Amino acid sequence: MVHPGCTDTDMNPADGPDAEAELPFIALGRYGTGAELAATVAHLVGEGGRYITGTSIAVDGGYAA
């Protein structure tokens, strides 16, 4: 399972009204991108993820760290 953090989308833009309040909680200091989430999913469904089972991966730039 992939748990996305704050991700820059049309419905949740990185320059939206709530973004300024979220940024201090993100270790990398920015919203993630759809491509970054997709890269994680691609890894999991590809050769690199063959032996990964029963886990959750946070793709959140350090928000939950």
PDB file of N, CA and C in Angstrom:
ATOM      1  N   MET A   1       0.838  -1.158   0.000  1.00  0.00           N
ATOM      2  CA  MET A   1       0.000   0.000   0.000  1.00  0.00           C
ATOM      3  C   MET A   1       0.893   1.234   0.000  1.00  0.00           C
ATOM      4  N   VAL A   2       0.531   2.196  -0.791  1.00  0.00           N
ATOM      5  CA  VAL A   2       1.272   3.455  -0.857  1.00  0.00           C
ATOM      6  C   VAL A   2       0.405   4.544  -0.207  1.00  0.00           C
ATOM      7  N   HIS A   3       0.982   5.224   0.763  1.00  0.00           N
ATOM      8  CA  HIS A   3       0.290   6.322   1.440  1.00  0.00           C
ATOM      9  C   HIS A   3       0.897   7.640   0.957  1.00  0.00           C
ATOM     10  N   PRO A   4       0.200   8.353   0.101  1.00  0.00           N
ATOM     11  CA  PRO A   4       0.748   9.626  -0.356  1.00  0.00           C
ATOM     12  C   PRO A   4       0.582  10.716   0.699  1.00  0.00           C
ATOM     13  N   GLY A   5       1.530  11.604   0.728  1.00  0.00           N
ATOM     14  CA  GLY A   5       1.421  12.781   1.575  1.00  0.00           C
ATOM     15  C   GLY A   5       0.858  13.920   0.746  1.00  0.00           C
ATOM     16  N   CYS A   6       1.212  15.126   1.090  1.00  0.00           N
ATOM     17  CA  CYS A   6       0.759  16.303   0.345  1.00  0.00           C
ATOM     18  C   CYS A   6       1.328  16.227  -1.066  1.00  0.00           C
ATOM     19  N   THR A   7       0.429  16.153  -2.028  1.00  0.00           N
ATOM     20  CA  THR A   7       0.820  15.990  -3.422  1.00  0.00           C
ATOM     21  C   THR A   7       0.205  17.102  -4.254  1.00  0.00           C
ATOM     22  N   ASP A   8       1.007  17.720  -5.071  1.00  0.00           N
ATOM     23  CA  ASP A   8       0.557  18.821  -5.919  1.00  0.00           C
ATOM     24  C   ASP A   8      -0.352  18.281  -7.024  1.00  0.00           C
ATOM     25  N   THR A   9      -1.636  18.561  -6.906  1.00  0.00           N
ATOM     26  CA  THR A   9      -2.625  18.145  -7.895  1.00  0.00           C
ATOM     27  C   THR A   9      -3.551  19.321  -8.181  1.00  0.00           C
ATOM     28  N   ASP A  10      -4.428  19.164  -9.159  1.00  0.00           N
ATOM     29  CA  ASP A  10      -5.397  20.218  -9.454  1.00  0.00           C
ATOM     30  C   ASP A  10      -6.297  20.498  -8.253  1.00  0.00           C
ATOM     31  N   MET A  11      -6.653  19.454  -7.513  1.00  0.00           N
ATOM     32  CA  MET A  11      -7.544  19.614  -6.358  1.00  0.00           C
ATOM     33  C   MET A  11      -6.797  19.996  -5.079  1.00  0.00           C
ATOM     34  N   ASN A  12      -5.481  19.841  -5.065  1.00  0.00           N
ATOM     35  CA  ASN A  12      -4.668  20.140  -3.886  1.00  0.00           C
ATOM     36  C   ASN A  12      -3.364  20.800  -4.336  1.00  0.00           C
ATOM     37  N   PRO A  13      -3.448  22.003  -4.896  1.00  0.00           N
ATOM     38  CA  PRO A  13      -2.243  22.631  -5.454  1.00  0.00           C
ATOM     39  C   PRO A  13      -1.225  23.037  -4.389  1.00  0.00           C
ATOM     40  N   ALA A  14       0.029  22.946  -4.768  1.00  0.00           N
ATOM     41  CA  ALA A  14       1.121  23.307  -3.861  1.00  0.00           C
ATOM     42  C   ALA A  14       1.110  24.785  -3.514  1.00  0.00           C
ATOM     43  N   ASP A  15       0.392  25.584  -4.275  1.00  0.00           N
ATOM     44  CA  ASP A  15       0.278  27.014  -3.959  1.00  0.00           C
ATOM     45  C   ASP A  15      -1.146  27.369  -3.519  1.00  0.00           C
ATOM     46  N   GLY A  16      -1.894  26.361  -3.079  1.00  0.00           N
ATOM     47  CA  GLY A  16      -3.276  26.570  -2.641  1.00  0.00           C
ATOM     48  C   GLY A  16      -3.358  27.206  -1.265  1.00  0.00           C
ATOM     49  N   PRO A  17      -4.570  27.510  -0.810  1.00  0.00           N
ATOM     50  CA  PRO A  17      -4.761  28.219   0.453  1.00  0.00           C
ATOM     51  C   PRO A  17      -4.287  27.448   1.687  1.00  0.00           C
ATOM     52  N   ASP A  18      -4.277  26.125   1.642  1.00  0.00           N
ATOM     53  CA  ASP A  18      -3.855  25.349   2.813  1.00  0.00           C
ATOM     54  C   ASP A  18      -2.390  24.934   2.768  1.00  0.00           C
ATOM     55  N   ALA A  19      -1.742  25.156   1.654  1.00  0.00           N
ATOM     56  CA  ALA A  19      -0.364  24.682   1.479  1.00  0.00           C
ATOM     57  C   ALA A  19       0.603  25.323   2.469  1.00  0.00           C
ATOM     58  N   GLU A  20       0.469  26.597   2.716  1.00  0.00           N
ATOM     59  CA  GLU A  20       1.402  27.282   3.613  1.00  0.00           C
ATOM     60  C   GLU A  20       1.386  26.678   5.015  1.00  0.00           C
ATOM     61  N   ALA A  21       0.224  26.229   5.463  1.00  0.00           N
ATOM     62  CA  ALA A  21       0.113  25.622   6.784  1.00  0.00           C
ATOM     63  C   ALA A  21       0.725  24.221   6.823  1.00  0.00           C
ATOM     64  N   GLU A  22       0.757  23.520   5.698  1.00  0.00           N
ATOM     65  CA  GLU A  22       1.281  22.156   5.637  1.00  0.00           C
ATOM     66  C   GLU A  22       2.795  22.099   5.477  1.00  0.00           C
ATOM     67  N   LEU A  23       3.372  23.047   4.776  1.00  0.00           N
ATOM     68  CA  LEU A  23       4.799  22.993   4.447  1.00  0.00           C
ATOM     69  C   LEU A  23       5.734  22.828   5.646  1.00  0.00           C
ATOM     70  N   PRO A  24       5.489  23.463   6.789  1.00  0.00           N
ATOM     71  CA  PRO A  24       6.414  23.269   7.917  1.00  0.00           C
ATOM     72  C   PRO A  24       6.482  21.827   8.423  1.00  0.00           C
ATOM     73  N   PHE A  25       5.485  21.023   8.115  1.00  0.00           N
ATOM     74  CA  PHE A  25       5.453  19.636   8.573  1.00  0.00           C
ATOM     75  C   PHE A  25       6.096  18.658   7.592  1.00  0.00           C
ATOM     76  N   ILE A  26       6.480  19.132   6.420  1.00  0.00           N
ATOM     77  CA  ILE A  26       7.080  18.280   5.398  1.00  0.00           C
ATOM     78  C   ILE A  26       8.600  18.463   5.454  1.00  0.00           C
ATOM     79  N   ALA A  27       9.315  17.400   5.796  1.00  0.00           N
ATOM     80  CA  ALA A  27      10.769  17.493   5.972  1.00  0.00           C
ATOM     81  C   ALA A  27      11.473  18.022   4.725  1.00  0.00           C
ATOM     82  N   LEU A  28      11.011  17.630   3.538  1.00  0.00           N
ATOM     83  CA  LEU A  28      11.656  18.090   2.309  1.00  0.00           C
ATOM     84  C   LEU A  28      11.238  19.501   1.923  1.00  0.00           C
ATOM     85  N   GLY A  29      10.243  20.064   2.607  1.00  0.00           N
ATOM     86  CA  GLY A  29       9.863  21.458   2.390  1.00  0.00           C
ATOM     87  C   GLY A  29       9.066  21.742   1.139  1.00  0.00           C
ATOM     88  N   ARG A  30       8.486  20.714   0.532  1.00  0.00           N
ATOM     89  CA  ARG A  30       7.697  20.932  -0.678  1.00  0.00           C
ATOM     90  C   ARG A  30       6.678  19.817  -0.828  1.00  0.00           C
ATOM     91  N   TYR A  31       5.664  20.068  -1.634  1.00  0.00           N
ATOM     92  CA  TYR A  31       4.688  19.047  -1.977  1.00  0.00           C
ATOM     93  C   TYR A  31       5.330  18.044  -2.933  1.00  0.00           C
ATOM     94  N   GLY A  32       4.848  16.813  -2.908  1.00  0.00           N
ATOM     95  CA  GLY A  32       5.305  15.803  -3.842  1.00  0.00           C
ATOM     96  C   GLY A  32       4.612  15.976  -5.189  1.00  0.00           C
ATOM     97  N   THR A  33       5.051  15.188  -6.148  1.00  0.00           N
ATOM     98  CA  THR A  33       4.451  15.230  -7.478  1.00  0.00           C
ATOM     99  C   THR A  33       3.818  13.881  -7.789  1.00  0.00           C
ATOM    100  N   GLY A  34       2.916  13.885  -8.739  1.00  0.00           N
ATOM    101  CA  GLY A  34       2.324  12.635  -9.184  1.00  0.00           C
ATOM    102  C   GLY A  34       3.371  11.679  -9.716  1.00  0.00           C
ATOM    103  N   ALA A  35       4.394  12.211 -10.371  1.00  0.00           N
ATOM    104  CA  ALA A  35       5.464  11.372 -10.908  1.00  0.00           C
ATOM    105  C   ALA A  35       6.232  10.660  -9.796  1.00  0.00           C
ATOM    106  N   GLU A  36       6.413  11.315  -8.670  1.00  0.00           N
ATOM    107  CA  GLU A  36       7.114  10.686  -7.548  1.00  0.00           C
ATOM    108  C   GLU A  36       6.294   9.540  -6.964  1.00  0.00           C
ATOM    109  N   LEU A  37       4.994   9.729  -6.877  1.00  0.00           N
ATOM    110  CA  LEU A  37       4.131   8.639  -6.421  1.00  0.00           C
ATOM    111  C   LEU A  37       4.149   7.492  -7.424  1.00  0.00           C
ATOM    112  N   ALA A  38       4.047   7.835  -8.692  1.00  0.00           N
ATOM    113  CA  ALA A  38       4.043   6.814  -9.745  1.00  0.00           C
ATOM    114  C   ALA A  38       5.338   6.013  -9.744  1.00  0.00           C
ATOM    115  N   ALA A  39       6.458   6.653  -9.465  1.00  0.00           N
ATOM    116  CA  ALA A  39       7.741   5.946  -9.435  1.00  0.00           C
ATOM    117  C   ALA A  39       7.757   4.890  -8.335  1.00  0.00           C
ATOM    118  N   THR A  40       7.160   5.190  -7.207  1.00  0.00           N
ATOM    119  CA  THR A  40       7.088   4.220  -6.117  1.00  0.00           C
ATOM    120  C   THR A  40       6.211   3.041  -6.510  1.00  0.00           C
ATOM    121  N   VAL A  41       5.061   3.332  -7.096  1.00  0.00           N
ATOM    122  CA  VAL A  41       4.161   2.264  -7.537  1.00  0.00           C
ATOM    123  C   VAL A  41       4.847   1.409  -8.610  1.00  0.00           C
ATOM    124  N   ALA A  42       5.541   2.044  -9.538  1.00  0.00           N
ATOM    125  CA  ALA A  42       6.240   1.306 -10.589  1.00  0.00           C
ATOM    126  C   ALA A  42       7.294   0.377  -9.992  1.00  0.00           C
ATOM    127  N   HIS A  43       7.985   0.846  -8.972  1.00  0.00           N
ATOM    128  CA  HIS A  43       8.968  -0.004  -8.303  1.00  0.00           C
ATOM    129  C   HIS A  43       8.287  -1.222  -7.683  1.00  0.00           C
ATOM    130  N   LEU A  44       7.162  -0.999  -7.004  1.00  0.00           N
ATOM    131  CA  LEU A  44       6.473  -2.093  -6.328  1.00  0.00           C
ATOM    132  C   LEU A  44       5.935  -3.143  -7.288  1.00  0.00           C
ATOM    133  N   VAL A  45       5.461  -2.725  -8.445  1.00  0.00           N
ATOM    134  CA  VAL A  45       4.902  -3.697  -9.393  1.00  0.00           C
ATOM    135  C   VAL A  45       5.965  -4.278 -10.320  1.00  0.00           C
ATOM    136  N   GLY A  46       7.163  -3.730 -10.262  1.00  0.00           N
ATOM    137  CA  GLY A  46       8.250  -4.213 -11.114  1.00  0.00           C
ATOM    138  C   GLY A  46       9.138  -5.214 -10.399  1.00  0.00           C
ATOM    139  N   GLU A  47      10.273  -5.484 -10.994  1.00  0.00           N
ATOM    140  CA  GLU A  47      11.229  -6.451 -10.452  1.00  0.00           C
ATOM    141  C   GLU A  47      11.690  -6.097  -9.040  1.00  0.00           C
ATOM    142  N   GLY A  48      11.850  -4.819  -8.774  1.00  0.00           N
ATOM    143  CA  GLY A  48      12.327  -4.392  -7.461  1.00  0.00           C
ATOM    144  C   GLY A  48      11.365  -4.694  -6.331  1.00  0.00           C
ATOM    145  N   GLY A  49      10.101  -4.866  -6.639  1.00  0.00           N
ATOM    146  CA  GLY A  49       9.107  -5.121  -5.606  1.00  0.00           C
ATOM    147  C   GLY A  49       8.655  -6.559  -5.508  1.00  0.00           C
ATOM    148  N   ARG A  50       9.342  -7.468  -6.182  1.00  0.00           N
ATOM    149  CA  ARG A  50       8.917  -8.875  -6.211  1.00  0.00           C
ATOM    150  C   ARG A  50       8.782  -9.504  -4.834  1.00  0.00           C
ATOM    151  N   TYR A  51       9.599  -9.085  -3.903  1.00  0.00           N
ATOM    152  CA  TYR A  51       9.630  -9.746  -2.601  1.00  0.00           C
ATOM    153  C   TYR A  51       9.058  -8.853  -1.496  1.00  0.00           C
ATOM    154  N   ILE A  52       8.378  -7.808  -1.878  1.00  0.00           N
ATOM    155  CA  ILE A  52       7.767  -6.901  -0.903  1.00  0.00           C
ATOM    156  C   ILE A  52       6.312  -7.302  -0.730  1.00  0.00           C
ATOM    157  N   THR A  53       5.939  -7.611   0.507  1.00  0.00           N
ATOM    158  CA  THR A  53       4.559  -7.988   0.802  1.00  0.00           C
ATOM    159  C   THR A  53       4.127  -7.375   2.124  1.00  0.00           C
ATOM    160  N   GLY A  54       2.841  -7.134   2.254  1.00  0.00           N
ATOM    161  CA  GLY A  54       2.246  -6.751   3.527  1.00  0.00           C
ATOM    162  C   GLY A  54       2.833  -5.530   4.200  1.00  0.00           C
ATOM    163  N   THR A  55       3.125  -4.507   3.454  1.00  0.00           N
ATOM    164  CA  THR A  55       3.698  -3.311   4.069  1.00  0.00           C
ATOM    165  C   THR A  55       3.048  -2.062   3.490  1.00  0.00           C
ATOM    166  N   SER A  56       3.217  -0.973   4.194  1.00  0.00           N
ATOM    167  CA  SER A  56       2.748   0.321   3.727  1.00  0.00           C
ATOM    168  C   SER A  56       3.961   1.214   3.531  1.00  0.00           C
ATOM    169  N   ILE A  57       3.967   1.951   2.442  1.00  0.00           N
ATOM    170  CA  ILE A  57       5.080   2.854   2.144  1.00  0.00           C
ATOM    171  C   ILE A  57       4.540   4.274   2.095  1.00  0.00           C
ATOM    172  N   ALA A  58       5.072   5.116   2.952  1.00  0.00           N
ATOM    173  CA  ALA A  58       4.680   6.535   2.953  1.00  0.00           C
ATOM    174  C   ALA A  58       5.525   7.285   1.933  1.00  0.00           C
ATOM    175  N   VAL A  59       4.875   7.915   1.004  1.00  0.00           N
ATOM    176  CA  VAL A  59       5.544   8.764   0.010  1.00  0.00           C
ATOM    177  C   VAL A  59       5.093  10.180   0.350  1.00  0.00           C
ATOM    178  N   ASP A  60       5.714  10.733   1.389  1.00  0.00           N
ATOM    179  CA  ASP A  60       5.208  11.974   1.969  1.00  0.00           C
ATOM    180  C   ASP A  60       6.282  13.021   2.247  1.00  0.00           C
ATOM    181  N   GLY A  61       7.465  12.837   1.699  1.00  0.00           N
ATOM    182  CA  GLY A  61       8.520  13.830   1.883  1.00  0.00           C
ATOM    183  C   GLY A  61       8.969  14.008   3.318  1.00  0.00           C
ATOM    184  N   GLY A  62       8.674  13.021   4.170  1.00  0.00           N
ATOM    185  CA  GLY A  62       9.082  13.099   5.567  1.00  0.00           C
ATOM    186  C   GLY A  62       8.002  13.642   6.494  1.00  0.00           C
ATOM    187  N   TYR A  63       6.790  13.784   6.017  1.00  0.00           N
ATOM    188  CA  TYR A  63       5.696  14.313   6.839  1.00  0.00           C
ATOM    189  C   TYR A  63       5.467  13.458   8.076  1.00  0.00           C
ATOM    190  N   ALA A  64       5.477  12.149   7.915  1.00  0.00           N
ATOM    191  CA  ALA A  64       5.198  11.251   9.026  1.00  0.00           C
ATOM    192  C   ALA A  64       6.459  10.861   9.816  1.00  0.00           C
ATOM    193  N   ALA A  65       7.603  11.329   9.400  1.00  0.00           N
ATOM    194  CA  ALA A  65       8.854  10.945  10.049  1.00  0.00           C
ATOM    195  C   ALA A  65       8.998  11.539  11.439  1.00  0.00           C
TER     196      ALA A  65
END
